[in-house]
Amino acid sequence: MEFGIFKGRAVAGSEQFGETTNGNLQIALTMRMTVREGLTQEWATVLIFSPESAKYSRERLVLLGWDGKVGDVTDLRGIDKNEVDVRLWQDSYQGKAQIKCEIMTGARMTFDKPLTKDEFKRRLAAMTGHSAAGGSGDKPDIPF
């Protein structure tokens, strides 16, 4: 088994449905990764569907090419359509070595309270007393 970040695709029909020890729903998908020209390896990635993580698991399914409806995550047609970055690494849990596999989603993050640019500018101006665009040639007195 080689570790690193590889290009890979989900294997259609490999899905397994289950439940974690904490009672959250989960789906395991086999990921087929290209290690180098002519050499592939497979490992399972697990998507957790808890109230906190379901949106991230759904995002990973969409990245794979899932064309299902939000309410029907059991119909995973299309999950083998897109090539994605897959991270495979070894970790330790309770003193035992484990291999982990993750579909990478990029450097994006999700805020609890997202704002539009205009809302951000308005609130920054209200907080600092200056417009976010500046415009007067003066350096705004922003405390960061």
N, C-alpha and C. Protein backbone atom coordinates (compact mmCIF):
# COMPACT_ATOMS: atom_id res chain seq x y z
N MET A 1 0.85 -1.17 0.00
CA MET A 1 0.00 0.00 0.00
C MET A 1 0.90 1.24 0.00
N GLU A 2 0.61 2.16 -0.92
CA GLU A 2 1.36 3.41 -0.97
C GLU A 2 0.49 4.53 -0.42
N PHE A 3 1.12 5.46 0.31
CA PHE A 3 0.40 6.57 0.93
C PHE A 3 0.73 7.87 0.20
N GLY A 4 -0.23 8.78 0.20
CA GLY A 4 -0.04 10.08 -0.44
C GLY A 4 -1.37 10.58 -0.97
N ILE A 5 -1.28 11.52 -1.92
CA ILE A 5 -2.46 12.06 -2.58
C ILE A 5 -2.43 11.58 -4.02
N PHE A 6 -3.51 10.93 -4.44
CA PHE A 6 -3.58 10.31 -5.75
C PHE A 6 -4.87 10.73 -6.46
N LYS A 7 -4.88 10.61 -7.77
CA LYS A 7 -6.11 10.77 -8.55
C LYS A 7 -6.87 9.47 -8.44
N GLY A 8 -8.18 9.57 -8.28
CA GLY A 8 -8.96 8.36 -8.14
C GLY A 8 -10.42 8.56 -8.46
N ARG A 9 -11.13 7.45 -8.53
CA ARG A 9 -12.59 7.44 -8.78
C ARG A 9 -13.23 6.43 -7.84
N ALA A 10 -14.48 6.68 -7.52
CA ALA A 10 -15.25 5.69 -6.76
C ALA A 10 -15.57 4.52 -7.68
N VAL A 11 -15.69 3.36 -7.12
CA VAL A 11 -16.04 2.16 -7.88
C VAL A 11 -17.57 1.99 -7.79
N ALA A 12 -18.23 2.09 -8.93
CA ALA A 12 -19.69 1.95 -8.96
C ALA A 12 -20.09 0.60 -8.40
N GLY A 13 -21.12 0.58 -7.58
CA GLY A 13 -21.63 -0.65 -7.00
C GLY A 13 -20.89 -1.11 -5.75
N SER A 14 -19.89 -0.34 -5.31
CA SER A 14 -19.11 -0.75 -4.13
C SER A 14 -19.69 -0.24 -2.82
N GLU A 15 -20.75 0.53 -2.90
CA GLU A 15 -21.27 1.17 -1.68
C GLU A 15 -21.81 0.16 -0.68
N GLN A 16 -21.53 0.46 0.60
CA GLN A 16 -22.06 -0.31 1.72
C GLN A 16 -22.68 0.70 2.68
N PHE A 17 -23.83 0.38 3.21
CA PHE A 17 -24.55 1.27 4.10
C PHE A 17 -24.47 0.73 5.52
N GLY A 18 -24.27 1.62 6.49
CA GLY A 18 -24.16 1.16 7.86
C GLY A 18 -24.43 2.26 8.86
N GLU A 19 -24.06 1.97 10.09
CA GLU A 19 -24.28 2.88 11.21
C GLU A 19 -23.04 2.85 12.10
N THR A 20 -22.63 4.02 12.58
CA THR A 20 -21.48 4.09 13.48
C THR A 20 -21.90 3.64 14.88
N THR A 21 -20.92 3.45 15.75
CA THR A 21 -21.23 3.08 17.14
C THR A 21 -21.98 4.20 17.85
N ASN A 22 -21.88 5.44 17.32
CA ASN A 22 -22.61 6.57 17.90
C ASN A 22 -24.00 6.74 17.30
N GLY A 23 -24.39 5.86 16.39
CA GLY A 23 -25.73 5.91 15.82
C GLY A 23 -25.86 6.77 14.57
N ASN A 24 -24.74 7.27 14.02
CA ASN A 24 -24.79 8.05 12.79
C ASN A 24 -24.75 7.12 11.58
N LEU A 25 -25.44 7.52 10.53
CA LEU A 25 -25.45 6.74 9.30
C LEU A 25 -24.13 6.92 8.58
N GLN A 26 -23.72 5.89 7.83
CA GLN A 26 -22.47 5.98 7.09
C GLN A 26 -22.56 5.19 5.80
N ILE A 27 -21.78 5.63 4.81
CA ILE A 27 -21.66 4.93 3.54
C ILE A 27 -20.17 4.72 3.30
N ALA A 28 -19.78 3.49 2.98
CA ALA A 28 -18.40 3.19 2.58
C ALA A 28 -18.39 3.02 1.06
N LEU A 29 -17.41 3.65 0.42
CA LEU A 29 -17.22 3.55 -1.02
C LEU A 29 -15.79 3.11 -1.30
N THR A 30 -15.61 2.18 -2.21
CA THR A 30 -14.27 1.82 -2.62
C THR A 30 -13.75 2.87 -3.59
N MET A 31 -12.54 3.37 -3.32
CA MET A 31 -11.89 4.33 -4.19
C MET A 31 -10.74 3.63 -4.91
N ARG A 32 -10.71 3.74 -6.24
CA ARG A 32 -9.62 3.18 -7.04
C ARG A 32 -8.69 4.34 -7.42
N MET A 33 -7.45 4.28 -6.93
CA MET A 33 -6.49 5.36 -7.11
C MET A 33 -5.37 4.94 -8.04
N THR A 34 -4.94 5.88 -8.88
CA THR A 34 -3.79 5.64 -9.74
C THR A 34 -2.55 6.09 -8.99
N VAL A 35 -1.71 5.13 -8.63
CA VAL A 35 -0.48 5.41 -7.88
C VAL A 35 0.58 5.96 -8.84
N ARG A 36 0.71 5.30 -9.97
CA ARG A 36 1.59 5.75 -11.06
C ARG A 36 1.15 4.99 -12.30
N GLU A 37 1.72 5.33 -13.43
CA GLU A 37 1.34 4.73 -14.70
C GLU A 37 1.26 3.21 -14.59
N GLY A 38 0.09 2.66 -14.83
CA GLY A 38 -0.09 1.21 -14.83
C GLY A 38 -0.28 0.57 -13.47
N LEU A 39 -0.29 1.37 -12.40
CA LEU A 39 -0.44 0.80 -11.06
C LEU A 39 -1.57 1.50 -10.31
N THR A 40 -2.58 0.72 -9.92
CA THR A 40 -3.69 1.26 -9.13
C THR A 40 -3.77 0.51 -7.81
N GLN A 41 -4.44 1.14 -6.86
CA GLN A 41 -4.73 0.48 -5.58
C GLN A 41 -6.12 0.94 -5.15
N GLU A 42 -6.74 0.14 -4.31
CA GLU A 42 -8.10 0.43 -3.84
C GLU A 42 -8.13 0.45 -2.33
N TRP A 43 -8.96 1.36 -1.80
CA TRP A 43 -9.23 1.41 -0.37
C TRP A 43 -10.58 2.07 -0.19
N ALA A 44 -11.24 1.79 0.92
CA ALA A 44 -12.56 2.35 1.17
C ALA A 44 -12.47 3.68 1.90
N THR A 45 -13.32 4.60 1.48
CA THR A 45 -13.52 5.84 2.21
C THR A 45 -14.89 5.76 2.87
N VAL A 46 -15.02 6.35 4.03
CA VAL A 46 -16.29 6.30 4.77
C VAL A 46 -16.84 7.71 4.88
N LEU A 47 -18.09 7.87 4.46
CA LEU A 47 -18.80 9.14 4.55
C LEU A 47 -19.80 9.04 5.69
N ILE A 48 -19.70 9.96 6.64
CA ILE A 48 -20.57 9.95 7.82
C ILE A 48 -21.72 10.93 7.60
N PHE A 49 -22.92 10.53 7.99
CA PHE A 49 -24.10 11.37 7.85
C PHE A 49 -24.68 11.67 9.23
N SER A 50 -23.99 12.55 9.94
CA SER A 50 -24.50 13.06 11.22
C SER A 50 -25.10 14.44 10.93
N PRO A 51 -25.81 15.03 11.89
CA PRO A 51 -26.33 16.38 11.64
C PRO A 51 -25.22 17.37 11.26
N GLU A 52 -24.02 17.20 11.82
CA GLU A 52 -22.93 18.12 11.55
C GLU A 52 -22.18 17.80 10.25
N SER A 53 -22.06 16.55 9.89
CA SER A 53 -21.19 16.17 8.77
C SER A 53 -21.91 15.82 7.48
N ALA A 54 -23.21 15.71 7.49
CA ALA A 54 -23.95 15.26 6.30
C ALA A 54 -23.68 16.16 5.09
N LYS A 55 -23.59 17.48 5.30
CA LYS A 55 -23.36 18.38 4.17
C LYS A 55 -22.00 18.15 3.52
N TYR A 56 -21.00 17.77 4.31
CA TYR A 56 -19.67 17.50 3.77
C TYR A 56 -19.64 16.17 3.02
N SER A 57 -20.35 15.18 3.54
CA SER A 57 -20.44 13.89 2.85
C SER A 57 -21.18 14.04 1.53
N ARG A 58 -22.25 14.83 1.53
CA ARG A 58 -22.98 15.09 0.30
C ARG A 58 -22.08 15.81 -0.70
N GLU A 59 -21.30 16.79 -0.24
CA GLU A 59 -20.39 17.52 -1.12
C GLU A 59 -19.40 16.56 -1.79
N ARG A 60 -18.91 15.59 -1.05
CA ARG A 60 -17.97 14.61 -1.61
C ARG A 60 -18.66 13.74 -2.66
N LEU A 61 -19.90 13.35 -2.41
CA LEU A 61 -20.64 12.57 -3.41
C LEU A 61 -20.83 13.37 -4.70
N VAL A 62 -21.15 14.64 -4.58
CA VAL A 62 -21.33 15.50 -5.75
C VAL A 62 -20.01 15.63 -6.51
N LEU A 63 -18.90 15.80 -5.80
CA LEU A 63 -17.60 15.88 -6.46
C LEU A 63 -17.31 14.62 -7.27
N LEU A 64 -17.73 13.48 -6.76
CA LEU A 64 -17.53 12.21 -7.47
C LEU A 64 -18.36 12.11 -8.74
N GLY A 65 -19.44 12.91 -8.82
CA GLY A 65 -20.31 12.87 -9.99
C GLY A 65 -21.71 12.37 -9.70
N TRP A 66 -22.04 12.26 -8.42
CA TRP A 66 -23.37 11.78 -8.02
C TRP A 66 -24.43 12.65 -8.64
N ASP A 67 -25.41 12.03 -9.26
CA ASP A 67 -26.49 12.79 -9.88
C ASP A 67 -27.83 12.51 -9.21
N GLY A 68 -27.78 12.03 -7.99
CA GLY A 68 -29.01 11.74 -7.24
C GLY A 68 -29.65 12.98 -6.67
N LYS A 69 -30.78 12.78 -6.10
CA LYS A 69 -31.50 13.88 -5.47
C LYS A 69 -31.07 13.97 -4.01
N VAL A 70 -31.18 15.17 -3.43
CA VAL A 70 -30.76 15.39 -2.04
C VAL A 70 -31.41 14.38 -1.11
N GLY A 71 -32.67 14.07 -1.33
CA GLY A 71 -33.39 13.18 -0.44
C GLY A 71 -33.14 11.70 -0.67
N ASP A 72 -32.46 11.33 -1.76
CA ASP A 72 -32.26 9.92 -2.05
C ASP A 72 -30.77 9.60 -2.21
N VAL A 73 -30.10 9.48 -1.09
CA VAL A 73 -28.66 9.23 -1.11
C VAL A 73 -28.35 7.75 -1.31
N THR A 74 -29.38 6.91 -1.41
CA THR A 74 -29.14 5.50 -1.66
C THR A 74 -28.98 5.19 -3.14
N ASP A 75 -29.41 6.12 -4.00
CA ASP A 75 -29.25 5.97 -5.44
C ASP A 75 -27.96 6.71 -5.82
N LEU A 76 -26.86 5.99 -5.92
CA LEU A 76 -25.55 6.61 -6.11
C LEU A 76 -25.06 6.56 -7.55
N ARG A 77 -26.01 6.58 -8.49
CA ARG A 77 -25.62 6.63 -9.90
C ARG A 77 -24.70 7.82 -10.15
N GLY A 78 -23.63 7.59 -10.90
CA GLY A 78 -22.73 8.66 -11.29
C GLY A 78 -21.50 8.83 -10.41
N ILE A 79 -21.42 8.08 -9.29
CA ILE A 79 -20.29 8.29 -8.38
C ILE A 79 -18.94 7.91 -8.99
N ASP A 80 -18.96 7.20 -10.11
CA ASP A 80 -17.70 6.81 -10.77
C ASP A 80 -17.36 7.72 -11.95
N LYS A 81 -18.12 8.81 -12.11
CA LYS A 81 -17.97 9.67 -13.28
C LYS A 81 -16.73 10.57 -13.21
N ASN A 82 -16.45 11.17 -12.05
CA ASN A 82 -15.38 12.17 -11.95
C ASN A 82 -14.14 11.64 -11.25
N GLU A 83 -13.00 12.07 -11.74
CA GLU A 83 -11.73 11.79 -11.07
C GLU A 83 -11.51 12.89 -10.03
N VAL A 84 -11.12 12.49 -8.83
CA VAL A 84 -10.93 13.43 -7.73
C VAL A 84 -9.59 13.16 -7.06
N ASP A 85 -9.15 14.09 -6.21
CA ASP A 85 -7.97 13.86 -5.40
C ASP A 85 -8.37 13.03 -4.18
N VAL A 86 -7.59 11.99 -3.92
CA VAL A 86 -7.85 11.08 -2.80
C VAL A 86 -6.59 11.02 -1.95
N ARG A 87 -6.76 11.24 -0.67
CA ARG A 87 -5.63 11.17 0.27
C ARG A 87 -5.69 9.84 1.01
N LEU A 88 -4.58 9.12 1.01
CA LEU A 88 -4.47 7.85 1.72
C LEU A 88 -3.30 7.97 2.68
N TRP A 89 -3.54 7.70 3.96
CA TRP A 89 -2.49 7.83 4.96
C TRP A 89 -2.71 6.84 6.09
N GLN A 90 -1.67 6.66 6.87
CA GLN A 90 -1.74 5.76 8.02
C GLN A 90 -1.81 6.60 9.28
N ASP A 91 -2.70 6.23 10.18
CA ASP A 91 -2.91 6.93 11.44
C ASP A 91 -2.95 5.89 12.55
N SER A 92 -3.06 6.37 13.76
CA SER A 92 -3.14 5.47 14.91
C SER A 92 -4.39 5.79 15.70
N TYR A 93 -5.12 4.77 16.10
CA TYR A 93 -6.31 4.95 16.93
C TYR A 93 -6.26 3.91 18.04
N GLN A 94 -6.28 4.38 19.27
CA GLN A 94 -6.20 3.52 20.45
C GLN A 94 -5.02 2.54 20.35
N GLY A 95 -3.89 3.08 19.88
CA GLY A 95 -2.67 2.30 19.80
C GLY A 95 -2.57 1.35 18.62
N LYS A 96 -3.57 1.35 17.74
CA LYS A 96 -3.55 0.46 16.58
C LYS A 96 -3.41 1.29 15.31
N ALA A 97 -2.60 0.80 14.38
CA ALA A 97 -2.43 1.46 13.09
C ALA A 97 -3.70 1.29 12.26
N GLN A 98 -4.10 2.37 11.60
CA GLN A 98 -5.26 2.34 10.71
C GLN A 98 -4.91 3.05 9.42
N ILE A 99 -5.44 2.57 8.32
CA ILE A 99 -5.30 3.25 7.05
C ILE A 99 -6.55 4.08 6.83
N LYS A 100 -6.36 5.34 6.50
CA LYS A 100 -7.49 6.26 6.28
C LYS A 100 -7.49 6.71 4.83
N CYS A 101 -8.67 6.93 4.30
CA CYS A 101 -8.86 7.33 2.91
C CYS A 101 -9.88 8.46 2.88
N GLU A 102 -9.53 9.56 2.22
CA GLU A 102 -10.41 10.74 2.22
C GLU A 102 -10.50 11.33 0.82
N ILE A 103 -11.71 11.66 0.41
CA ILE A 103 -11.93 12.40 -0.83
C ILE A 103 -11.67 13.86 -0.48
N MET A 104 -10.69 14.46 -1.14
CA MET A 104 -10.31 15.83 -0.82
C MET A 104 -11.23 16.81 -1.54
N THR A 105 -11.62 17.84 -0.82
CA THR A 105 -12.55 18.82 -1.39
C THR A 105 -11.89 20.15 -1.70
N GLY A 106 -10.60 20.26 -1.54
CA GLY A 106 -9.92 21.52 -1.82
C GLY A 106 -9.76 22.35 -0.57
N ALA A 107 -9.30 23.57 -0.75
CA ALA A 107 -8.99 24.44 0.38
C ALA A 107 -10.19 25.28 0.80
N ARG A 108 -11.36 24.91 0.35
CA ARG A 108 -12.55 25.67 0.73
C ARG A 108 -12.96 25.34 2.15
N MET A 109 -13.69 26.24 2.73
CA MET A 109 -14.26 25.96 4.04
C MET A 109 -15.68 26.52 4.08
N THR A 110 -16.44 26.07 5.03
CA THR A 110 -17.82 26.50 5.16
C THR A 110 -17.97 27.24 6.48
N PHE A 111 -18.44 28.49 6.39
CA PHE A 111 -18.69 29.28 7.59
C PHE A 111 -20.05 28.92 8.18
N ASP A 112 -20.17 29.04 9.50
CA ASP A 112 -21.46 28.83 10.14
C ASP A 112 -22.46 29.89 9.70
N LYS A 113 -21.97 31.12 9.52
CA LYS A 113 -22.83 32.23 9.11
C LYS A 113 -22.21 32.92 7.89
N PRO A 114 -22.41 32.39 6.69
CA PRO A 114 -21.82 33.02 5.51
C PRO A 114 -22.44 34.40 5.24
N LEU A 115 -21.64 35.30 4.70
CA LEU A 115 -22.08 36.65 4.35
C LEU A 115 -21.80 36.90 2.87
N THR A 116 -22.63 37.73 2.25
CA THR A 116 -22.32 38.19 0.90
C THR A 116 -21.22 39.25 1.02
N LYS A 117 -20.58 39.56 -0.11
CA LYS A 117 -19.56 40.62 -0.11
C LYS A 117 -20.15 41.94 0.38
N ASP A 118 -21.34 42.28 -0.11
CA ASP A 118 -21.96 43.54 0.27
C ASP A 118 -22.25 43.60 1.76
N GLU A 119 -22.75 42.49 2.32
CA GLU A 119 -23.02 42.44 3.76
C GLU A 119 -21.72 42.59 4.55
N PHE A 120 -20.67 41.92 4.09
CA PHE A 120 -19.37 42.02 4.75
C PHE A 120 -18.88 43.46 4.74
N LYS A 121 -18.94 44.12 3.57
CA LYS A 121 -18.50 45.52 3.46
C LYS A 121 -19.30 46.42 4.38
N ARG A 122 -20.63 46.25 4.39
CA ARG A 122 -21.49 47.08 5.23
C ARG A 122 -21.13 46.91 6.70
N ARG A 123 -20.95 45.68 7.14
CA ARG A 123 -20.66 45.43 8.55
C ARG A 123 -19.26 45.88 8.93
N LEU A 124 -18.30 45.74 8.01
CA LEU A 124 -16.94 46.23 8.28
C LEU A 124 -16.94 47.75 8.41
N ALA A 125 -17.68 48.43 7.53
CA ALA A 125 -17.77 49.89 7.61
C ALA A 125 -18.42 50.32 8.91
N ALA A 126 -19.46 49.61 9.34
CA ALA A 126 -20.13 49.94 10.61
C ALA A 126 -19.19 49.70 11.80
N MET A 127 -18.37 48.68 11.72
CA MET A 127 -17.46 48.35 12.81
C MET A 127 -16.30 49.34 12.91
N THR A 128 -15.78 49.78 11.76
CA THR A 128 -14.57 50.60 11.76
C THR A 128 -14.83 52.08 11.52
N GLY A 129 -16.00 52.41 11.00
CA GLY A 129 -16.28 53.80 10.66
C GLY A 129 -15.71 54.19 9.31
N HIS A 130 -15.16 53.24 8.58
CA HIS A 130 -14.58 53.50 7.26
C HIS A 130 -15.22 52.55 6.26
N SER A 131 -15.27 52.99 5.01
CA SER A 131 -15.78 52.08 3.99
C SER A 131 -14.72 51.02 3.73
N ALA A 132 -15.14 49.84 3.37
CA ALA A 132 -14.21 48.75 3.10
C ALA A 132 -13.37 49.05 1.88
N ALA A 133 -13.89 49.87 0.96
CA ALA A 133 -13.16 50.18 -0.27
C ALA A 133 -12.15 51.29 -0.06
N GLY A 134 -12.23 51.99 1.06
CA GLY A 134 -11.34 53.13 1.28
C GLY A 134 -11.81 54.27 0.42
N GLY A 135 -11.11 54.58 -0.65
CA GLY A 135 -11.57 55.57 -1.62
C GLY A 135 -11.08 56.97 -1.34
N SER A 136 -10.85 57.34 -0.10
CA SER A 136 -10.44 58.70 0.21
C SER A 136 -8.94 58.88 0.12
N GLY A 137 -8.22 57.79 -0.04
CA GLY A 137 -6.77 57.88 -0.06
C GLY A 137 -6.18 57.71 1.32
N ASP A 138 -7.00 57.86 2.36
CA ASP A 138 -6.53 57.67 3.72
C ASP A 138 -6.44 56.19 4.02
N LYS A 139 -5.52 55.84 4.87
CA LYS A 139 -5.46 54.45 5.32
C LYS A 139 -6.58 54.20 6.30
N PRO A 140 -7.40 53.22 6.07
CA PRO A 140 -8.45 52.95 7.05
C PRO A 140 -7.86 52.47 8.34
N ASP A 141 -8.51 52.82 9.44
CA ASP A 141 -8.06 52.42 10.77
C ASP A 141 -8.75 51.12 11.15
N ILE A 142 -8.31 50.03 10.49
CA ILE A 142 -8.90 48.72 10.76
C ILE A 142 -8.03 48.03 11.79
N PRO A 143 -8.64 47.53 12.87
CA PRO A 143 -7.86 47.00 13.98
C PRO A 143 -7.29 45.60 13.75
N PHE A 144 -6.96 45.24 12.52
CA PHE A 144 -6.34 43.94 12.27
C PHE A 144 -5.40 44.01 11.13
